[in-house]
Amino acid sequence: MFDLFGKADYKLPKSDALWKSGPVESIGASSYRVGVTRKGETTLTLIYDGRSTTLIMNEATCKQLIRMLQATLAEEDNKGIDT
């Protein structure tokens, strides 16, 4: 429990990290899913080890993510990709 006067006896539990550092492994198409909400927002669901997390993005945020992903590709891979 947290004490307002600076004393804390609470310790965070140790758990396995969901995203571990080290060699990067490729993920398959079954590791993610893309969709659209009823409001027209884009959803990106990442699935790892039986757990999932979903990003809900408006158009501007979705385009920003596309640009960030595109920046990781080789120069010749970027030809013909417009956002």
Protein backbone atom coordinates (compact mmCIF):
# COMPACT_ATOMS: atom_id res chain seq x y z
CA MET A 1 0.00 0.00 0.00
CA PHE A 2 1.20 3.52 -0.76
CA ASP A 3 1.83 5.93 2.10
CA LEU A 4 1.35 9.64 1.32
CA PHE A 5 4.35 10.50 3.51
CA GLY A 6 6.85 8.66 1.36
CA LYS A 7 6.83 5.17 2.81
CA ALA A 8 5.73 2.35 0.59
CA ASP A 9 5.52 -1.28 1.53
CA TYR A 10 4.08 -2.37 -1.80
CA LYS A 11 6.34 -4.24 -4.21
CA LEU A 12 5.52 -4.83 -7.84
CA PRO A 13 4.98 -8.50 -8.61
CA LYS A 14 7.52 -10.08 -10.93
CA SER A 15 6.02 -11.41 -14.13
CA ASP A 16 7.27 -12.64 -17.46
CA ALA A 17 7.71 -9.78 -19.88
CA LEU A 18 5.28 -9.92 -22.77
CA TRP A 19 7.79 -8.34 -25.16
CA LYS A 20 11.27 -9.63 -24.45
CA SER A 21 14.48 -8.12 -25.70
CA GLY A 22 16.86 -10.26 -27.67
CA PRO A 23 16.72 -11.77 -31.13
CA VAL A 24 13.71 -10.60 -33.10
CA GLU A 25 11.42 -13.36 -34.27
CA SER A 26 9.15 -13.00 -37.26
CA ILE A 27 5.45 -13.15 -36.60
CA GLY A 28 2.95 -14.86 -38.82
CA ALA A 29 -0.30 -13.46 -40.18
CA SER A 30 -2.19 -15.20 -37.37
CA SER A 31 -0.35 -12.97 -34.87
CA TYR A 32 -2.25 -9.85 -35.82
CA ARG A 33 -5.64 -8.79 -37.12
CA VAL A 34 -6.91 -5.56 -38.68
CA GLY A 35 -10.48 -4.32 -38.57
CA VAL A 36 -12.80 -1.33 -38.46
CA THR A 37 -15.09 -0.16 -35.65
CA ARG A 38 -18.69 0.96 -36.19
CA LYS A 39 -17.41 4.55 -35.96
CA GLY A 40 -15.00 3.92 -38.84
CA GLU A 41 -11.83 3.77 -36.76
CA THR A 42 -9.10 1.29 -37.66
CA THR A 43 -8.27 -1.47 -35.20
CA LEU A 44 -5.00 -3.40 -35.01
CA THR A 45 -4.99 -6.40 -32.68
CA LEU A 46 -1.65 -8.00 -31.79
CA ILE A 47 -1.78 -11.57 -30.50
CA TYR A 48 1.13 -13.14 -28.62
CA ASP A 49 1.29 -16.22 -26.43
CA GLY A 50 -2.48 -16.40 -25.95
CA ARG A 51 -2.76 -12.72 -25.02
CA SER A 52 -3.88 -9.82 -27.17
CA THR A 53 -3.94 -6.06 -27.21
CA THR A 54 -5.92 -3.84 -29.56
CA LEU A 55 -5.06 -0.39 -30.86
CA ILE A 56 -7.97 1.77 -32.01
CA MET A 57 -6.82 4.55 -34.34
CA ASN A 58 -8.42 7.46 -36.14
CA GLU A 59 -7.36 8.18 -39.73
CA ALA A 60 -4.46 10.48 -38.83
CA THR A 61 -3.01 8.03 -36.31
CA CYS A 62 -3.40 5.13 -38.73
CA LYS A 63 -1.52 7.03 -41.44
CA GLN A 64 1.22 7.91 -38.94
CA LEU A 65 1.62 4.21 -38.03
CA ILE A 66 1.81 3.31 -41.73
CA ARG A 67 4.57 5.90 -42.25
CA MET A 68 6.48 4.57 -39.24
CA LEU A 69 6.22 0.98 -40.50
CA GLN A 70 7.13 2.09 -44.01
CA ALA A 71 10.31 3.72 -42.68
CA THR A 72 11.57 0.30 -41.58
CA LEU A 73 11.44 -1.11 -45.14
CA ALA A 74 14.30 -1.05 -47.62
CA GLU A 75 14.25 1.89 -50.03
CA GLU A 76 13.17 -0.23 -53.03
CA ASP A 77 10.33 -1.76 -50.97
CA ASN A 78 8.84 1.71 -50.44
CA LYS A 79 8.21 2.39 -54.13
CA GLY A 80 4.54 2.54 -54.96
CA ILE A 81 3.38 2.79 -51.33
CA ASP A 82 1.47 5.99 -50.72
CA THR A 83 -0.31 7.04 -47.54
